[in-house]
Amino acid sequence: MRPKSVEELVEFINEANRDRRRLLPICRGSKAHLGPPVEYDEELQLWDMPKVLEIDEEEMVVRTSACISAVELQEELKKRGRRLAVDPPLFRKSSIGGILSTNFYGPMAYRYMTPRDQLLSVRIITGKGEFMRYGAPVMKDVAGYNIKRLIAGSWGTLAVLVEAYLRIYALPDTVAVLATSRRALQELRKLYTVGAAEVDGVLYLRFEGVKSEVEYRLSKAGRGDVFYDREAEEKWGAVTEAEELFASNEVVKVVAPPASLPDVQPGVKYLRYPLLGVMYIAGPPPVGVKTYWLKPQRRWEIENRDLMEKIKQVFDPKGVLSPGRLP
C-alpha cells in the first residue's frame, strides 16, 4: 500500500479493518527491523504522502510531515539559523516520523530532553481510520490528557503519524567537542556539558554557547583533543550515529541509573550515555540490568501491560497497526 494523500491513507486503513489485514507503517525503514517483532501482512509505505515543511523562525516551531528525512529537515533549518536539538542513533537514515514513533534519542537529551518532550502537536490516523489532531504549536497547550506524548514512542501501534509540530532552537555561536578519558559521574555533572557519549573507552563531551563560555567550560574539562564547529559536528555525528554498532547482528539497549551502568567486555562495541543512564551494546546484555533487545527482534518485558492493552483497544481495536510489537 502506497497512499498519496490523507484521504487515501484513511481509506487503506478502513479497508484493512474490513479485511482484517495487518499493516506495518513505514517511511525510510531505518527502524523497521529493530525492537519487538511485528506480525503483519503488508507494509503501509508512506513515502509518497504529501511533503509539508513550514518553519516559524519567530515562534521557534517547525511543522513537518512524518516522512521528511531528518537530515533534510536539519539542512532546511540550518539555512535559517535554526536546528533540531536531537542526535539519536541512525539519525542520517531516519525520517522524522521514525524518530518520533520510537522516541529514539541521543546524549543531547540531557540538555534538551527527548523528541517526545520536544513534540508540540501531532496529526494522526488511528487504527480505526480516524483523522485526529492532538496538541497545539505552542509550548504549553495541555490541560487534560497529553495524547501526543502517548503517540511518540508507541512504535506505530496506535496510529499513523502524518504531521508533527516540533520545537526548534537557534544555532549556537560555538560548538566544541572534547575527546577525553572517562570521568566519574559527579565530576561529569559539574562540567555543564550539553551531552556526553562514550565509545571504546573514549568520552566525548559536547559544549555549546558563546565562544567565551565554551572556552571556559573546556578549561574546566581537562585535557584531550578538541574539535570546533564543523569538525565538532562531524565528530559528534560519527559518534552518536553508531552505524557500525547497529550493523551488528545483536544489539541491546540497557537502561539503568547513571551510576549503575555496567561495563562491557573488551572488544565489544557500545555507545554509552553516562549522564542519562542509557547504553547500546553490540552483543548479549550484562546480567542484572533492564534490557531491551533491538536485534534480533524479541518480545519486551513491559510493565503495565494490561493498561497498554486497554489503550491499544481504544486507538486500534482490531489490531491493524503493527500488531505484536507492543501490547
C-alpha atoms as a PDB file:
ATOM      1  CA  MET A   1       0.000   0.000   0.000  1.00  0.00           C
ATOM      2  CA  ARG A   2       1.374   3.410  -1.011  1.00  0.00           C
ATOM      3  CA  PRO A   3      -1.133   6.168  -0.142  1.00  0.00           C
ATOM      4  CA  LYS A   4      -0.576   9.526  -1.813  1.00  0.00           C
ATOM      5  CA  SER A   5      -2.915  11.588   0.368  1.00  0.00           C
ATOM      6  CA  VAL A   6      -4.505  11.627   3.786  1.00  0.00           C
ATOM      7  CA  GLU A   7      -7.768  10.560   2.191  1.00  0.00           C
ATOM      8  CA  GLU A   8      -6.144   7.506   0.602  1.00  0.00           C
ATOM      9  CA  LEU A   9      -4.427   6.657   3.867  1.00  0.00           C
ATOM     10  CA  VAL A  10      -7.748   6.719   5.727  1.00  0.00           C
ATOM     11  CA  GLU A  11      -9.301   4.577   3.010  1.00  0.00           C
ATOM     12  CA  PHE A  12      -6.490   1.994   3.163  1.00  0.00           C
ATOM     13  CA  ILE A  13      -6.753   1.702   6.946  1.00  0.00           C
ATOM     14  CA  ASN A  14     -10.531   1.328   6.732  1.00  0.00           C
ATOM     15  CA  GLU A  15     -10.079  -1.408   4.127  1.00  0.00           C
ATOM     16  CA  ALA A  16      -7.587  -3.155   6.380  1.00  0.00           C
ATOM     17  CA  ASN A  17     -10.132  -3.093   9.203  1.00  0.00           C
ATOM     18  CA  ARG A  18     -12.805  -4.604   6.968  1.00  0.00           C
ATOM     19  CA  ASP A  19     -10.489  -7.259   5.538  1.00  0.00           C
ATOM     20  CA  ARG A  20      -8.669  -7.982   8.815  1.00  0.00           C
ATOM     21  CA  ARG A  21      -5.303  -7.150   7.238  1.00  0.00           C
ATOM     22  CA  ARG A  22      -2.381  -6.180   9.435  1.00  0.00           C
ATOM     23  CA  LEU A  23      -0.197  -3.252   8.390  1.00  0.00           C
ATOM     24  CA  LEU A  24       3.317  -2.035   9.184  1.00  0.00           C
ATOM     25  CA  PRO A  25       3.573   1.774   8.714  1.00  0.00           C
ATOM     26  CA  ILE A  26       6.973   2.662   7.283  1.00  0.00           C
ATOM     27  CA  CYS A  27       8.786   5.722   5.877  1.00  0.00           C
ATOM     28  CA  ARG A  28      12.527   5.175   5.390  1.00  0.00           C
ATOM     29  CA  GLY A  29      12.606   1.866   7.248  1.00  0.00           C
ATOM     30  CA  SER A  30      15.653   2.615   9.423  1.00  0.00           C
ATOM     31  CA  LYS A  31      13.960   1.040  12.457  1.00  0.00           C
ATOM     32  CA  ALA A  32      11.552  -1.399  10.811  1.00  0.00           C
ATOM     33  CA  HIS A  33      13.745  -4.345  11.807  1.00  0.00           C
ATOM     34  CA  LEU A  34      14.571  -3.129  15.309  1.00  0.00           C
ATOM     35  CA  GLY A  35      12.678  -3.715  18.524  1.00  0.00           C
ATOM     36  CA  PRO A  36       9.874  -6.205  19.128  1.00  0.00           C
ATOM     37  CA  PRO A  37       8.831  -8.231  16.060  1.00  0.00           C
ATOM     38  CA  VAL A  38       5.773  -7.239  14.037  1.00  0.00           C
ATOM     39  CA  GLU A  39       3.250  -9.737  12.707  1.00  0.00           C
ATOM     40  CA  TYR A  40       1.957  -8.015   9.576  1.00  0.00           C
ATOM     41  CA  ASP A  41       0.512  -8.846   6.173  1.00  0.00           C
ATOM     42  CA  GLU A  42       1.561  -5.776   4.220  1.00  0.00           C
ATOM     43  CA  GLU A  43       3.752  -2.695   4.505  1.00  0.00           C
ATOM     44  CA  LEU A  44       1.984   0.654   4.587  1.00  0.00           C
ATOM     45  CA  GLN A  45       4.608   2.686   2.728  1.00  0.00           C
ATOM     46  CA  LEU A  46       4.150   6.390   3.432  1.00  0.00           C
ATOM     47  CA  TRP A  47       6.930   7.917   1.337  1.00  0.00           C
ATOM     48  CA  ASP A  48       4.532   9.189  -1.343  1.00  0.00           C
ATOM     49  CA  MET A  49       2.442  11.185   1.129  1.00  0.00           C
ATOM     50  CA  PRO A  50       2.497  14.985   0.585  1.00  0.00           C
ATOM     51  CA  LYS A  51       5.597  16.666   1.999  1.00  0.00           C
ATOM     52  CA  VAL A  52       4.933  19.598   4.333  1.00  0.00           C
ATOM     53  CA  LEU A  53       7.634  21.829   5.812  1.00  0.00           C
ATOM     54  CA  GLU A  54       6.809  25.163   7.438  1.00  0.00           C
ATOM     55  CA  ILE A  55       9.344  26.912   9.658  1.00  0.00           C
ATOM     56  CA  ASP A  56       8.272  29.646  12.065  1.00  0.00           C
ATOM     57  CA  GLU A  57      11.530  31.366  12.987  1.00  0.00           C
ATOM     58  CA  GLU A  58       9.865  33.740  15.450  1.00  0.00           C
ATOM     59  CA  GLU A  59       7.882  31.170  17.429  1.00  0.00           C
ATOM     60  CA  MET A  60      10.714  28.604  17.111  1.00  0.00           C
ATOM     61  CA  VAL A  61       8.396  25.913  15.791  1.00  0.00           C
ATOM     62  CA  VAL A  62       8.509  23.719  12.688  1.00  0.00           C
ATOM     63  CA  ARG A  63       5.604  21.909  11.051  1.00  0.00           C
ATOM     64  CA  THR A  64       6.774  18.836   9.187  1.00  0.00           C
ATOM     65  CA  SER A  65       5.300  15.781   7.542  1.00  0.00           C
ATOM     66  CA  ALA A  66       6.343  12.494   9.075  1.00  0.00           C
ATOM     67  CA  CYS A  67       8.297  11.129   6.122  1.00  0.00           C
ATOM     68  CA  ILE A  68      10.627  14.061   5.603  1.00  0.00           C
ATOM     69  CA  SER A  69      14.143  12.838   6.301  1.00  0.00           C
ATOM     70  CA  ALA A  70      15.768  14.122   9.468  1.00  0.00           C
ATOM     71  CA  VAL A  71      18.833  15.282   7.528  1.00  0.00           C
ATOM     72  CA  GLU A  72      16.717  17.211   5.021  1.00  0.00           C
ATOM     73  CA  LEU A  73      14.826  18.972   7.795  1.00  0.00           C
ATOM     74  CA  GLN A  74      18.016  19.795   9.644  1.00  0.00           C
ATOM     75  CA  GLU A  75      19.537  21.315   6.496  1.00  0.00           C
ATOM     76  CA  GLU A  76      16.472  23.495   5.869  1.00  0.00           C
ATOM     77  CA  LEU A  77      16.523  24.719   9.455  1.00  0.00           C
ATOM     78  CA  LYS A  78      20.241  25.465   9.260  1.00  0.00           C
ATOM     79  CA  LYS A  79      19.650  27.867   6.356  1.00  0.00           C
ATOM     80  CA  ARG A  80      17.526  29.925   8.761  1.00  0.00           C
ATOM     81  CA  GLY A  81      19.907  29.756  11.700  1.00  0.00           C
ATOM     82  CA  ARG A  82      17.785  27.117  13.448  1.00  0.00           C
ATOM     83  CA  ARG A  83      18.089  23.416  14.245  1.00  0.00           C
ATOM     84  CA  LEU A  84      16.528  20.343  15.780  1.00  0.00           C
ATOM     85  CA  ALA A  85      18.239  19.549  19.075  1.00  0.00           C
ATOM     86  CA  VAL A  86      18.188  15.778  18.579  1.00  0.00           C
ATOM     87  CA  ASP A  87      21.029  13.332  17.937  1.00  0.00           C
ATOM     88  CA  PRO A  88      19.686   9.760  18.070  1.00  0.00           C
ATOM     89  CA  PRO A  89      21.428   6.716  16.615  1.00  0.00           C
ATOM     90  CA  LEU A  90      20.809   6.237  12.871  1.00  0.00           C
ATOM     91  CA  PHE A  91      19.848   9.909  12.507  1.00  0.00           C
ATOM     92  CA  ARG A  92      21.127  10.120   8.928  1.00  0.00           C
ATOM     93  CA  LYS A  93      18.943   7.190   7.868  1.00  0.00           C
ATOM     94  CA  SER A  94      15.825   8.264   9.754  1.00  0.00           C
ATOM     95  CA  SER A  95      12.646  10.136   8.955  1.00  0.00           C
ATOM     96  CA  ILE A  96      11.096  12.476  11.484  1.00  0.00           C
ATOM     97  CA  GLY A  97       8.228  10.020  11.850  1.00  0.00           C
ATOM     98  CA  GLY A  98      10.624   7.181  12.622  1.00  0.00           C
ATOM     99  CA  ILE A  99      12.402   9.177  15.322  1.00  0.00           C
ATOM    100  CA  LEU A 100       9.124  10.229  16.939  1.00  0.00           C
ATOM    101  CA  SER A 101       7.451   6.833  16.655  1.00  0.00           C
ATOM    102  CA  THR A 102      10.323   5.134  18.506  1.00  0.00           C
ATOM    103  CA  ASN A 103      11.359   8.160  20.618  1.00  0.00           C
ATOM    104  CA  PHE A 104      14.980   7.372  19.784  1.00  0.00           C
ATOM    105  CA  TYR A 105      17.209   9.949  21.449  1.00  0.00           C
ATOM    106  CA  GLY A 106      20.875  10.738  21.869  1.00  0.00           C
ATOM    107  CA  PRO A 107      23.098  12.231  24.583  1.00  0.00           C
ATOM    108  CA  MET A 108      21.861  15.792  23.927  1.00  0.00           C
ATOM    109  CA  ALA A 109      18.626  14.753  25.621  1.00  0.00           C
ATOM    110  CA  TYR A 110      20.479  15.557  28.844  1.00  0.00           C
ATOM    111  CA  ARG A 111      20.043  19.253  27.995  1.00  0.00           C
ATOM    112  CA  TYR A 112      17.157  19.322  25.513  1.00  0.00           C
ATOM    113  CA  MET A 113      15.145  16.252  26.587  1.00  0.00           C
ATOM    114  CA  THR A 114      13.821  13.607  24.204  1.00  0.00           C
ATOM    115  CA  PRO A 115      11.927  14.003  20.896  1.00  0.00           C
ATOM    116  CA  ARG A 116       8.744  13.172  22.842  1.00  0.00           C
ATOM    117  CA  ASP A 117       9.374  16.216  25.033  1.00  0.00           C
ATOM    118  CA  GLN A 118      10.044  18.470  22.033  1.00  0.00           C
ATOM    119  CA  LEU A 119       6.826  17.390  20.294  1.00  0.00           C
ATOM    120  CA  LEU A 120       4.122  20.083  20.396  1.00  0.00           C
ATOM    121  CA  SER A 121       1.352  18.700  18.221  1.00  0.00           C
ATOM    122  CA  VAL A 122       0.558  15.705  16.022  1.00  0.00           C
ATOM    123  CA  ARG A 123      -1.842  14.859  13.232  1.00  0.00           C
ATOM    124  CA  ILE A 124      -2.556  11.150  13.080  1.00  0.00           C
ATOM    125  CA  ILE A 125      -4.753   8.466  11.572  1.00  0.00           C
ATOM    126  CA  THR A 126      -5.739   5.998  14.269  1.00  0.00           C
ATOM    127  CA  GLY A 127      -6.048   2.244  13.743  1.00  0.00           C
ATOM    128  CA  LYS A 128      -9.798   2.832  13.410  1.00  0.00           C
ATOM    129  CA  GLY A 129      -9.212   5.133  10.429  1.00  0.00           C
ATOM    130  CA  GLU A 130      -9.993   8.355  12.296  1.00  0.00           C
ATOM    131  CA  PHE A 131      -8.102  11.538  11.416  1.00  0.00           C
ATOM    132  CA  MET A 132      -7.249  13.345  14.653  1.00  0.00           C
ATOM    133  CA  ARG A 133      -5.092  16.169  15.960  1.00  0.00           C
ATOM    134  CA  TYR A 134      -3.627  16.476  19.437  1.00  0.00           C
ATOM    135  CA  GLY A 135      -1.720  19.355  20.972  1.00  0.00           C
ATOM    136  CA  ALA A 136      -1.050  22.806  19.528  1.00  0.00           C
ATOM    137  CA  PRO A 137       2.022  24.562  18.101  1.00  0.00           C
ATOM    138  CA  VAL A 138       2.751  26.376  21.362  1.00  0.00           C
ATOM    139  CA  MET A 139       4.986  25.493  24.290  1.00  0.00           C
ATOM    140  CA  LYS A 140       2.206  24.937  26.845  1.00  0.00           C
ATOM    141  CA  ASP A 141      -1.032  23.608  25.456  1.00  0.00           C
ATOM    142  CA  VAL A 142      -2.266  20.650  27.506  1.00  0.00           C
ATOM    143  CA  ALA A 143      -4.986  20.965  30.132  1.00  0.00           C
ATOM    144  CA  GLY A 144      -6.076  17.318  30.011  1.00  0.00           C
ATOM    145  CA  TYR A 145      -4.540  14.062  28.795  1.00  0.00           C
ATOM    146  CA  ASN A 146      -1.323  14.584  26.841  1.00  0.00           C
ATOM    147  CA  ILE A 147      -2.117  12.239  23.959  1.00  0.00           C
ATOM    148  CA  LYS A 148       0.692  13.445  21.712  1.00  0.00           C
ATOM    149  CA  ARG A 149       3.232  12.111  24.224  1.00  0.00           C
ATOM    150  CA  LEU A 150       1.437   8.772  24.100  1.00  0.00           C
ATOM    151  CA  ILE A 151       1.833   8.590  20.313  1.00  0.00           C
ATOM    152  CA  ALA A 152       5.565   9.316  20.494  1.00  0.00           C
ATOM    153  CA  GLY A 153       7.332   6.096  21.394  1.00  0.00           C
ATOM    154  CA  SER A 154       4.362   3.852  20.566  1.00  0.00           C
ATOM    155  CA  TRP A 155       6.275   2.251  17.652  1.00  0.00           C
ATOM    156  CA  GLY A 156       3.376   2.729  15.219  1.00  0.00           C
ATOM    157  CA  THR A 157       0.996   0.541  17.214  1.00  0.00           C
ATOM    158  CA  LEU A 158      -1.681   3.165  17.928  1.00  0.00           C
ATOM    159  CA  ALA A 159      -1.778   5.444  14.897  1.00  0.00           C
ATOM    160  CA  VAL A 160      -0.015   6.531  11.725  1.00  0.00           C
ATOM    161  CA  LEU A 161       1.799   9.818  12.255  1.00  0.00           C
ATOM    162  CA  VAL A 162       1.028  12.218   9.402  1.00  0.00           C
ATOM    163  CA  GLU A 163       2.396  15.566  10.603  1.00  0.00           C
ATOM    164  CA  ALA A 164       4.122  16.966  13.660  1.00  0.00           C
ATOM    165  CA  TYR A 165       4.922  20.346  15.172  1.00  0.00           C
ATOM    166  CA  LEU A 166       8.295  20.382  16.923  1.00  0.00           C
ATOM    167  CA  ARG A 167      10.313  22.840  18.928  1.00  0.00           C
ATOM    168  CA  ILE A 168      13.366  24.218  17.182  1.00  0.00           C
ATOM    169  CA  TYR A 169      16.369  26.044  18.588  1.00  0.00           C
ATOM    170  CA  ALA A 170      18.806  28.712  17.458  1.00  0.00           C
ATOM    171  CA  LEU A 171      22.161  27.542  16.165  1.00  0.00           C
ATOM    172  CA  PRO A 172      24.755  28.093  18.887  1.00  0.00           C
ATOM    173  CA  ASP A 173      27.517  30.630  18.379  1.00  0.00           C
ATOM    174  CA  THR A 174      30.188  28.000  19.055  1.00  0.00           C
ATOM    175  CA  VAL A 175      30.188  24.200  19.306  1.00  0.00           C
ATOM    176  CA  ALA A 176      33.095  22.255  20.748  1.00  0.00           C
ATOM    177  CA  VAL A 177      33.582  18.538  21.295  1.00  0.00           C
ATOM    178  CA  LEU A 178      36.257  17.278  23.667  1.00  0.00           C
ATOM    179  CA  ALA A 179      37.554  13.710  23.304  1.00  0.00           C
ATOM    180  CA  THR A 180      38.944  12.721  26.674  1.00  0.00           C
ATOM    181  CA  SER A 181      39.171   9.914  29.212  1.00  0.00           C
ATOM    182  CA  ARG A 182      36.314   8.533  31.305  1.00  0.00           C
ATOM    183  CA  ARG A 183      35.227  10.624  34.267  1.00  0.00           C
ATOM    184  CA  ALA A 184      33.371   9.963  37.495  1.00  0.00           C
ATOM    185  CA  LEU A 185      29.667  10.785  37.267  1.00  0.00           C
ATOM    186  CA  GLN A 186      29.801  13.562  39.859  1.00  0.00           C
ATOM    187  CA  GLU A 187      32.665  15.218  38.008  1.00  0.00           C
ATOM    188  CA  LEU A 188      30.797  14.986  34.720  1.00  0.00           C
ATOM    189  CA  ARG A 189      27.744  16.694  36.156  1.00  0.00           C
ATOM    190  CA  LYS A 190      29.823  19.687  37.244  1.00  0.00           C
ATOM    191  CA  LEU A 191      31.040  20.372  33.709  1.00  0.00           C
ATOM    192  CA  TYR A 192      27.666  21.659  32.438  1.00  0.00           C
ATOM    193  CA  THR A 193      28.064  19.832  29.170  1.00  0.00           C
ATOM    194  CA  VAL A 194      25.225  19.634  26.646  1.00  0.00           C
ATOM    195  CA  GLY A 195      25.746  15.897  26.290  1.00  0.00           C
ATOM    196  CA  ALA A 196      28.235  13.123  26.948  1.00  0.00           C
ATOM    197  CA  ALA A 197      28.802   9.972  24.907  1.00  0.00           C
ATOM    198  CA  GLU A 198      31.351   7.222  25.428  1.00  0.00           C
ATOM    199  CA  VAL A 199      32.646   4.872  22.731  1.00  0.00           C
ATOM    200  CA  ASP A 200      35.574   2.430  23.017  1.00  0.00           C
ATOM    201  CA  GLY A 201      36.754   3.944  26.294  1.00  0.00           C
ATOM    202  CA  VAL A 202      36.824   7.499  24.910  1.00  0.00           C
ATOM    203  CA  LEU A 203      34.480  10.061  26.421  1.00  0.00           C
ATOM    204  CA  TYR A 204      33.128  12.760  24.109  1.00  0.00           C
ATOM    205  CA  LEU A 205      31.778  15.939  25.722  1.00  0.00           C
ATOM    206  CA  ARG A 206      29.752  18.498  23.792  1.00  0.00           C
ATOM    207  CA  PHE A 207      29.748  22.195  24.737  1.00  0.00           C
ATOM    208  CA  GLU A 208      27.641  24.932  23.150  1.00  0.00           C
ATOM    209  CA  GLY A 209      27.155  28.680  23.573  1.00  0.00           C
ATOM    210  CA  VAL A 210      29.085  31.885  23.134  1.00  0.00           C
ATOM    211  CA  LYS A 211      32.774  31.331  22.499  1.00  0.00           C
ATOM    212  CA  SER A 212      33.993  32.676  25.836  1.00  0.00           C
ATOM    213  CA  GLU A 213      31.644  30.384  27.781  1.00  0.00           C
ATOM    214  CA  VAL A 214      32.613  27.341  25.705  1.00  0.00           C
ATOM    215  CA  GLU A 215      36.309  28.057  26.229  1.00  0.00           C
ATOM    216  CA  TYR A 216      35.745  28.405  29.963  1.00  0.00           C
ATOM    217  CA  ARG A 217      33.935  25.066  30.130  1.00  0.00           C
ATOM    218  CA  LEU A 218      36.693  23.401  28.112  1.00  0.00           C
ATOM    219  CA  SER A 219      39.311  24.721  30.509  1.00  0.00           C
ATOM    220  CA  LYS A 220      37.440  23.062  33.376  1.00  0.00           C
ATOM    221  CA  ALA A 221      37.017  19.795  31.493  1.00  0.00           C
ATOM    222  CA  GLY A 222      40.689  18.856  31.372  1.00  0.00           C
ATOM    223  CA  ARG A 223      42.992  17.574  28.665  1.00  0.00           C
ATOM    224  CA  GLY A 224      42.040  15.926  25.408  1.00  0.00           C
ATOM    225  CA  ASP A 225      41.526  16.502  21.698  1.00  0.00           C
ATOM    226  CA  VAL A 226      39.203  19.436  20.955  1.00  0.00           C
ATOM    227  CA  PHE A 227      37.117  19.858  17.812  1.00  0.00           C
ATOM    228  CA  TYR A 228      35.305  23.084  16.919  1.00  0.00           C
ATOM    229  CA  ASP A 229      32.192  23.946  14.930  1.00  0.00           C
ATOM    230  CA  ARG A 230      32.064  21.974  11.654  1.00  0.00           C
ATOM    231  CA  GLU A 231      34.655  19.434  12.774  1.00  0.00           C
ATOM    232  CA  ALA A 232      32.875  19.177  16.115  1.00  0.00           C
ATOM    233  CA  GLU A 233      29.547  18.432  14.433  1.00  0.00           C
ATOM    234  CA  GLU A 234      31.162  15.818  12.190  1.00  0.00           C
ATOM    235  CA  LYS A 235      32.857  14.116  15.131  1.00  0.00           C
ATOM    236  CA  TRP A 236      29.706  14.203  17.267  1.00  0.00           C
ATOM    237  CA  GLY A 237      27.608  12.839  14.416  1.00  0.00           C
ATOM    238  CA  ALA A 238      30.043   9.983  13.795  1.00  0.00           C
ATOM    239  CA  VAL A 239      29.922   9.030  17.480  1.00  0.00           C
ATOM    240  CA  THR A 240      26.172   9.288  18.058  1.00  0.00           C
ATOM    241  CA  GLU A 241      25.131   7.792  14.701  1.00  0.00           C
ATOM    242  CA  ALA A 242      26.507   4.421  15.883  1.00  0.00           C
ATOM    243  CA  GLU A 243      26.126   2.994  12.383  1.00  0.00           C
ATOM    244  CA  GLU A 244      28.712   0.250  12.850  1.00  0.00           C
ATOM    245  CA  LEU A 245      27.209  -0.798  16.183  1.00  0.00           C
ATOM    246  CA  PHE A 246      23.689  -1.051  14.750  1.00  0.00           C
ATOM    247  CA  ALA A 247      25.007  -3.094  11.817  1.00  0.00           C
ATOM    248  CA  SER A 248      25.838  -5.877  14.289  1.00  0.00           C
ATOM    249  CA  ASN A 249      23.679  -8.995  14.467  1.00  0.00           C
ATOM    250  CA  GLU A 250      22.955  -8.402  18.153  1.00  0.00           C
ATOM    251  CA  VAL A 251      22.055  -5.015  19.615  1.00  0.00           C
ATOM    252  CA  VAL A 252      20.547  -4.355  23.033  1.00  0.00           C
ATOM    253  CA  LYS A 253      19.537  -1.175  24.828  1.00  0.00           C
ATOM    254  CA  VAL A 254      20.366  -1.063  28.530  1.00  0.00           C
ATOM    255  CA  VAL A 255      18.607   1.334  30.895  1.00  0.00           C
ATOM    256  CA  ALA A 256      19.856   1.850  34.450  1.00  0.00           C
ATOM    257  CA  PRO A 257      20.575   4.623  36.958  1.00  0.00           C
ATOM    258  CA  PRO A 258      23.580   6.534  35.562  1.00  0.00           C
ATOM    259  CA  ALA A 259      25.821   5.379  38.404  1.00  0.00           C
ATOM    260  CA  SER A 260      24.859   1.752  37.741  1.00  0.00           C
ATOM    261  CA  LEU A 261      25.568   1.494  34.019  1.00  0.00           C
ATOM    262  CA  PRO A 262      27.593  -1.697  33.537  1.00  0.00           C
ATOM    263  CA  ASP A 263      30.942  -2.128  31.877  1.00  0.00           C
ATOM    264  CA  VAL A 264      31.288  -4.319  28.805  1.00  0.00           C
ATOM    265  CA  GLN A 265      33.818  -6.942  27.846  1.00  0.00           C
ATOM    266  CA  PRO A 266      36.923  -5.747  25.946  1.00  0.00           C
ATOM    267  CA  GLY A 267      36.375  -5.604  22.204  1.00  0.00           C
ATOM    268  CA  VAL A 268      32.576  -5.276  22.422  1.00  0.00           C
ATOM    269  CA  LYS A 269      31.117  -2.287  20.558  1.00  0.00           C
ATOM    270  CA  TYR A 270      28.986   0.025  22.672  1.00  0.00           C
ATOM    271  CA  LEU A 271      27.608   3.552  22.924  1.00  0.00           C
ATOM    272  CA  ARG A 272      27.080   4.879  26.446  1.00  0.00           C
ATOM    273  CA  TYR A 273      25.216   7.990  27.622  1.00  0.00           C
ATOM    274  CA  PRO A 274      26.747   8.291  31.101  1.00  0.00           C
ATOM    275  CA  LEU A 275      24.599  11.257  32.177  1.00  0.00           C
ATOM    276  CA  LEU A 276      21.335   9.603  31.105  1.00  0.00           C
ATOM    277  CA  GLY A 277      21.768   6.010  32.224  1.00  0.00           C
ATOM    278  CA  VAL A 278      21.421   4.539  28.725  1.00  0.00           C
ATOM    279  CA  MET A 279      23.747   2.459  26.593  1.00  0.00           C
ATOM    280  CA  TYR A 280      23.617   0.363  23.437  1.00  0.00           C
ATOM    281  CA  ILE A 281      25.671  -2.807  23.264  1.00  0.00           C
ATOM    282  CA  ALA A 282      26.510  -4.954  20.238  1.00  0.00           C
ATOM    283  CA  GLY A 283      26.107  -8.291  21.936  1.00  0.00           C
ATOM    284  CA  PRO A 284      24.359 -10.081  24.800  1.00  0.00           C
ATOM    285  CA  PRO A 285      23.347  -7.829  27.702  1.00  0.00           C
ATOM    286  CA  PRO A 286      25.061  -7.799  31.087  1.00  0.00           C
ATOM    287  CA  VAL A 287      23.252  -9.581  33.898  1.00  0.00           C
ATOM    288  CA  GLY A 288      21.047  -7.700  36.338  1.00  0.00           C
ATOM    289  CA  VAL A 289      20.086  -4.658  34.262  1.00  0.00           C
ATOM    290  CA  LYS A 290      16.934  -3.671  32.403  1.00  0.00           C
ATOM    291  CA  THR A 291      17.422  -4.666  28.774  1.00  0.00           C
ATOM    292  CA  TYR A 292      15.504  -4.175  25.535  1.00  0.00           C
ATOM    293  CA  TRP A 293      16.527  -6.335  22.566  1.00  0.00           C
ATOM    294  CA  LEU A 294      16.676  -4.395  19.291  1.00  0.00           C
ATOM    295  CA  LYS A 295      18.391  -7.072  17.165  1.00  0.00           C
ATOM    296  CA  PRO A 296      17.445  -9.861  16.760  1.00  0.00           C
ATOM    297  CA  GLN A 297      13.838  -8.898  17.361  1.00  0.00           C
ATOM    298  CA  ARG A 298      12.391 -10.244  20.590  1.00  0.00           C
ATOM    299  CA  ARG A 299       9.415  -9.517  22.818  1.00  0.00           C
ATOM    300  CA  TRP A 300       9.965  -6.926  25.531  1.00  0.00           C
ATOM    301  CA  GLU A 301       9.078  -7.406  29.163  1.00  0.00           C
ATOM    302  CA  ILE A 302       6.933  -4.316  29.736  1.00  0.00           C
ATOM    303  CA  GLU A 303       5.396  -3.015  32.927  1.00  0.00           C
ATOM    304  CA  ASN A 304       1.686  -2.115  32.960  1.00  0.00           C
ATOM    305  CA  ARG A 305       0.986  -4.440  30.054  1.00  0.00           C
ATOM    306  CA  ASP A 306      -2.710  -4.598  30.933  1.00  0.00           C
ATOM    307  CA  LEU A 307      -3.005  -0.797  30.751  1.00  0.00           C
ATOM    308  CA  MET A 308      -1.203  -0.712  27.397  1.00  0.00           C
ATOM    309  CA  GLU A 309      -3.584  -3.330  26.007  1.00  0.00           C
ATOM    310  CA  LYS A 310      -6.546  -1.163  27.014  1.00  0.00           C
ATOM    311  CA  ILE A 311      -5.012   1.866  25.283  1.00  0.00           C
ATOM    312  CA  LYS A 312      -4.436  -0.233  22.159  1.00  0.00           C
ATOM    313  CA  GLN A 313      -8.117  -1.178  22.192  1.00  0.00           C
ATOM    314  CA  VAL A 314      -9.129   2.497  22.175  1.00  0.00           C
ATOM    315  CA  PHE A 315      -6.961   3.503  19.207  1.00  0.00           C
ATOM    316  CA  ASP A 316      -6.759   0.248  17.231  1.00  0.00           C
ATOM    317  CA  PRO A 317      -9.399  -2.250  18.436  1.00  0.00           C
ATOM    318  CA  LYS A 318      -8.900  -4.697  15.545  1.00  0.00           C
ATOM    319  CA  GLY A 319      -5.110  -4.716  15.809  1.00  0.00           C
ATOM    320  CA  VAL A 320      -4.498  -3.356  12.315  1.00  0.00           C
ATOM    321  CA  LEU A 321      -1.329  -1.337  13.028  1.00  0.00           C
ATOM    322  CA  SER A 322       1.989  -3.030  13.867  1.00  0.00           C
ATOM    323  CA  PRO A 323       0.361  -5.957  15.690  1.00  0.00           C
ATOM    324  CA  GLY A 324       2.504  -7.825  18.173  1.00  0.00           C
ATOM    325  CA  ARG A 325       5.129  -5.100  18.533  1.00  0.00           C
ATOM    326  CA  LEU A 326       3.725  -3.662  21.772  1.00  0.00           C
ATOM    327  CA  PRO A 327       0.603  -4.619  23.763  1.00  0.00           C
END
